[in-house]
N, C-alpha and C. Protein backbone atom coordinates (compact mmCIF):
# COMPACT_ATOMS: atom_id res chain seq x y z
N MET A 1 0.82 -1.19 0.00
CA MET A 1 0.00 0.00 0.00
C MET A 1 0.87 1.26 0.00
N ILE A 2 1.92 1.25 0.80
CA ILE A 2 2.78 2.44 0.88
C ILE A 2 3.43 2.71 -0.46
N ASP A 3 3.91 1.67 -1.14
CA ASP A 3 4.54 1.85 -2.45
C ASP A 3 3.53 2.41 -3.46
N ALA A 4 2.30 1.91 -3.41
CA ALA A 4 1.27 2.40 -4.34
C ALA A 4 0.98 3.87 -4.09
N LEU A 5 0.86 4.26 -2.81
CA LEU A 5 0.60 5.67 -2.50
C LEU A 5 1.78 6.55 -2.91
N ALA A 6 2.98 6.06 -2.70
CA ALA A 6 4.16 6.83 -3.11
C ALA A 6 4.16 7.05 -4.61
N THR A 7 3.79 6.02 -5.37
CA THR A 7 3.72 6.14 -6.83
C THR A 7 2.67 7.16 -7.24
N VAL A 8 1.50 7.10 -6.62
CA VAL A 8 0.44 8.08 -6.92
C VAL A 8 0.94 9.49 -6.64
N HIS A 9 1.59 9.68 -5.51
CA HIS A 9 2.10 11.02 -5.18
C HIS A 9 3.14 11.48 -6.19
N GLU A 10 4.02 10.59 -6.61
CA GLU A 10 5.04 10.94 -7.60
C GLU A 10 4.40 11.34 -8.93
N LEU A 11 3.35 10.62 -9.33
CA LEU A 11 2.72 10.88 -10.62
C LEU A 11 1.82 12.11 -10.62
N THR A 12 1.43 12.57 -9.45
CA THR A 12 0.49 13.69 -9.39
C THR A 12 1.09 14.96 -8.80
N VAL A 13 2.41 15.02 -8.72
CA VAL A 13 3.07 16.23 -8.22
C VAL A 13 2.63 17.42 -9.07
N GLY A 14 2.22 18.48 -8.40
CA GLY A 14 1.82 19.69 -9.11
C GLY A 14 0.36 19.72 -9.51
N TRP A 15 -0.35 18.62 -9.36
CA TRP A 15 -1.77 18.62 -9.69
C TRP A 15 -2.52 19.46 -8.66
N PRO A 16 -3.50 20.23 -9.10
CA PRO A 16 -4.28 21.01 -8.13
C PRO A 16 -5.19 20.09 -7.32
N GLN A 17 -5.59 20.56 -6.15
CA GLN A 17 -6.56 19.83 -5.35
C GLN A 17 -7.89 19.83 -6.10
N GLY A 18 -8.71 18.86 -5.83
CA GLY A 18 -10.05 18.83 -6.41
C GLY A 18 -10.87 20.02 -5.91
N PRO A 19 -11.90 20.40 -6.63
CA PRO A 19 -12.73 21.53 -6.21
C PRO A 19 -13.25 21.33 -4.78
N GLY A 20 -13.02 22.33 -3.94
CA GLY A 20 -13.48 22.29 -2.56
C GLY A 20 -12.55 21.57 -1.61
N PHE A 21 -11.50 20.92 -2.13
CA PHE A 21 -10.56 20.20 -1.27
C PHE A 21 -9.36 21.08 -0.94
N ALA A 22 -8.63 20.72 0.10
CA ALA A 22 -7.45 21.48 0.51
C ALA A 22 -6.34 20.51 0.88
N SER A 23 -5.11 20.94 0.66
CA SER A 23 -3.95 20.12 1.03
C SER A 23 -3.69 20.26 2.53
N ALA A 24 -2.85 19.38 3.06
CA ALA A 24 -2.47 19.48 4.48
C ALA A 24 -1.83 20.84 4.75
N ARG A 25 -1.02 21.31 3.82
CA ARG A 25 -0.38 22.63 4.00
C ARG A 25 -1.45 23.72 4.08
N GLN A 26 -2.45 23.68 3.22
CA GLN A 26 -3.52 24.68 3.25
C GLN A 26 -4.35 24.57 4.53
N LEU A 27 -4.53 23.34 5.02
CA LEU A 27 -5.34 23.13 6.22
C LEU A 27 -4.63 23.56 7.50
N LEU A 28 -3.38 23.98 7.39
CA LEU A 28 -2.74 24.58 8.55
C LEU A 28 -3.41 25.92 8.88
N ASP A 29 -4.04 26.53 7.87
CA ASP A 29 -4.72 27.82 8.06
C ASP A 29 -6.23 27.75 7.84
N LEU A 30 -6.67 26.85 6.97
CA LEU A 30 -8.10 26.74 6.68
C LEU A 30 -8.78 25.81 7.68
N ASP A 31 -10.09 25.96 7.83
CA ASP A 31 -10.86 25.12 8.75
C ASP A 31 -11.55 23.94 8.08
N ARG A 32 -11.63 23.95 6.75
CA ARG A 32 -12.28 22.84 6.06
C ARG A 32 -11.79 22.74 4.63
N GLY A 33 -11.90 21.54 4.12
CA GLY A 33 -11.52 21.27 2.74
C GLY A 33 -11.90 19.85 2.40
N GLY A 34 -12.75 19.67 1.40
CA GLY A 34 -13.20 18.33 1.04
C GLY A 34 -13.95 17.69 2.19
N ASP A 35 -13.50 16.52 2.60
CA ASP A 35 -14.17 15.84 3.71
C ASP A 35 -13.54 16.15 5.06
N VAL A 36 -12.61 17.10 5.12
CA VAL A 36 -11.99 17.52 6.37
C VAL A 36 -12.77 18.69 6.95
N ARG A 37 -13.20 18.54 8.19
CA ARG A 37 -13.97 19.57 8.88
C ARG A 37 -13.30 19.87 10.22
N LEU A 38 -12.19 20.60 10.19
CA LEU A 38 -11.51 20.95 11.42
C LEU A 38 -12.39 21.83 12.31
N ASP A 39 -13.28 22.59 11.69
CA ASP A 39 -14.17 23.47 12.46
C ASP A 39 -15.19 22.68 13.27
N ALA A 40 -15.33 21.40 13.00
CA ALA A 40 -16.27 20.56 13.75
C ALA A 40 -15.57 19.73 14.83
N MET A 41 -14.26 19.89 14.94
CA MET A 41 -13.48 19.12 15.91
C MET A 41 -13.18 19.95 17.14
N PRO A 42 -12.94 19.30 18.28
CA PRO A 42 -12.53 20.04 19.47
C PRO A 42 -11.20 20.76 19.21
N PRO A 43 -11.01 21.93 19.78
CA PRO A 43 -9.79 22.71 19.54
C PRO A 43 -8.49 21.94 19.82
N GLU A 44 -8.46 21.11 20.87
CA GLU A 44 -7.24 20.37 21.18
C GLU A 44 -6.94 19.33 20.10
N ALA A 45 -7.97 18.77 19.49
CA ALA A 45 -7.78 17.81 18.41
C ALA A 45 -7.24 18.51 17.16
N VAL A 46 -7.77 19.69 16.88
CA VAL A 46 -7.29 20.47 15.73
C VAL A 46 -5.82 20.81 15.91
N ARG A 47 -5.45 21.22 17.11
CA ARG A 47 -4.04 21.55 17.38
C ARG A 47 -3.15 20.32 17.17
N ALA A 48 -3.60 19.15 17.64
CA ALA A 48 -2.81 17.93 17.48
C ALA A 48 -2.65 17.54 16.01
N VAL A 49 -3.74 17.63 15.26
CA VAL A 49 -3.69 17.28 13.83
C VAL A 49 -2.78 18.25 13.08
N ARG A 50 -2.93 19.54 13.34
CA ARG A 50 -2.10 20.52 12.64
C ARG A 50 -0.63 20.39 13.02
N ALA A 51 -0.34 20.08 14.28
CA ALA A 51 1.05 19.89 14.71
C ALA A 51 1.66 18.71 13.97
N ALA A 52 0.91 17.62 13.81
CA ALA A 52 1.42 16.45 13.09
C ALA A 52 1.66 16.78 11.63
N TRP A 53 0.71 17.49 11.01
CA TRP A 53 0.91 17.88 9.61
C TRP A 53 2.12 18.77 9.46
N GLN A 54 2.27 19.74 10.36
CA GLN A 54 3.39 20.67 10.26
C GLN A 54 4.71 19.93 10.41
N GLN A 55 4.77 18.97 11.32
CA GLN A 55 5.99 18.19 11.50
C GLN A 55 6.30 17.39 10.24
N THR A 56 5.29 16.78 9.66
CA THR A 56 5.49 15.99 8.44
C THR A 56 5.98 16.88 7.30
N LEU A 57 5.38 18.06 7.16
CA LEU A 57 5.80 18.98 6.09
C LEU A 57 7.22 19.46 6.32
N ALA A 58 7.57 19.73 7.59
CA ALA A 58 8.93 20.18 7.89
C ALA A 58 9.93 19.07 7.59
N THR A 59 9.60 17.84 7.96
CA THR A 59 10.50 16.71 7.70
C THR A 59 10.66 16.49 6.20
N ALA A 60 9.58 16.64 5.46
CA ALA A 60 9.67 16.50 4.00
C ALA A 60 10.59 17.57 3.42
N GLY A 61 10.55 18.77 3.98
CA GLY A 61 11.43 19.85 3.52
C GLY A 61 12.90 19.53 3.77
N VAL A 62 13.20 18.97 4.94
CA VAL A 62 14.57 18.58 5.25
C VAL A 62 15.03 17.47 4.30
N ALA A 63 14.16 16.51 4.03
CA ALA A 63 14.51 15.43 3.10
C ALA A 63 14.78 15.99 1.71
N TRP A 64 13.97 16.93 1.28
CA TRP A 64 14.17 17.55 -0.04
C TRP A 64 15.53 18.25 -0.10
N GLU A 65 15.88 18.99 0.94
CA GLU A 65 17.17 19.66 0.97
C GLU A 65 18.32 18.65 0.90
N ALA A 66 18.20 17.56 1.64
CA ALA A 66 19.25 16.55 1.62
C ALA A 66 19.40 15.97 0.21
N ALA A 67 18.28 15.71 -0.44
CA ALA A 67 18.32 15.10 -1.77
C ALA A 67 18.86 16.06 -2.83
N THR A 68 18.47 17.32 -2.76
CA THR A 68 18.90 18.26 -3.80
C THR A 68 20.29 18.82 -3.57
N CYS A 69 20.81 18.71 -2.37
CA CYS A 69 22.13 19.28 -2.07
C CYS A 69 23.22 18.22 -2.00
N GLY A 70 22.87 16.97 -2.24
CA GLY A 70 23.85 15.89 -2.13
C GLY A 70 25.09 16.09 -2.98
N VAL A 71 24.93 16.57 -4.20
CA VAL A 71 26.08 16.76 -5.09
C VAL A 71 26.68 18.15 -4.93
N PRO A 72 25.89 19.24 -5.04
CA PRO A 72 26.51 20.56 -4.99
C PRO A 72 27.00 20.98 -3.59
N GLU A 73 26.36 20.48 -2.53
CA GLU A 73 26.73 20.87 -1.16
C GLU A 73 26.71 19.64 -0.24
N PRO A 74 27.65 18.73 -0.42
CA PRO A 74 27.60 17.47 0.33
C PRO A 74 27.67 17.64 1.85
N GLU A 75 28.39 18.63 2.34
CA GLU A 75 28.45 18.83 3.79
C GLU A 75 27.10 19.27 4.34
N TYR A 76 26.44 20.17 3.63
CA TYR A 76 25.09 20.61 4.05
C TYR A 76 24.12 19.43 3.98
N ALA A 77 24.20 18.65 2.92
CA ALA A 77 23.32 17.49 2.77
C ALA A 77 23.54 16.50 3.90
N ALA A 78 24.79 16.32 4.31
CA ALA A 78 25.08 15.40 5.41
C ALA A 78 24.44 15.89 6.71
N ARG A 79 24.45 17.19 6.94
CA ARG A 79 23.79 17.74 8.14
C ARG A 79 22.29 17.51 8.08
N ARG A 80 21.69 17.70 6.90
CA ARG A 80 20.25 17.47 6.76
C ARG A 80 19.92 15.99 6.97
N LEU A 81 20.76 15.08 6.45
CA LEU A 81 20.55 13.65 6.64
C LEU A 81 20.65 13.27 8.12
N ALA A 82 21.59 13.89 8.82
CA ALA A 82 21.71 13.64 10.26
C ALA A 82 20.47 14.10 10.98
N GLU A 83 19.93 15.24 10.56
CA GLU A 83 18.68 15.74 11.16
C GLU A 83 17.53 14.77 10.90
N LEU A 84 17.45 14.23 9.69
CA LEU A 84 16.41 13.25 9.39
C LEU A 84 16.54 12.01 10.27
N SER A 85 17.76 11.59 10.49
CA SER A 85 17.98 10.42 11.33
C SER A 85 17.49 10.67 12.75
N VAL A 86 17.75 11.84 13.28
CA VAL A 86 17.29 12.19 14.63
C VAL A 86 15.77 12.25 14.66
N ARG A 87 15.16 12.83 13.64
CA ARG A 87 13.69 12.95 13.60
C ARG A 87 13.01 11.59 13.51
N SER A 88 13.66 10.63 12.86
CA SER A 88 13.01 9.33 12.67
C SER A 88 13.18 8.42 13.88
N ASN A 89 13.99 8.81 14.84
CA ASN A 89 14.18 7.97 16.04
C ASN A 89 13.36 8.46 17.20
């Protein structure tokens, strides 16, 4: 299942969200999108969900930096990889 989802994500990079839907990044500020209704959830649940999304997005950003800087800036990439290792433990 994970491999299939990864493939779907790779093939749909840059595709817009469906009408009325919002990405996790957009839902950091919006209260609803598609079948997500943060405005109907208790405030502490909304905070927990948004914190998890923000952490995932931040980790993805670090991974992207490690991948794109591997050749031109190997020392910087190594620091980002070390950060990923700490985050995954």
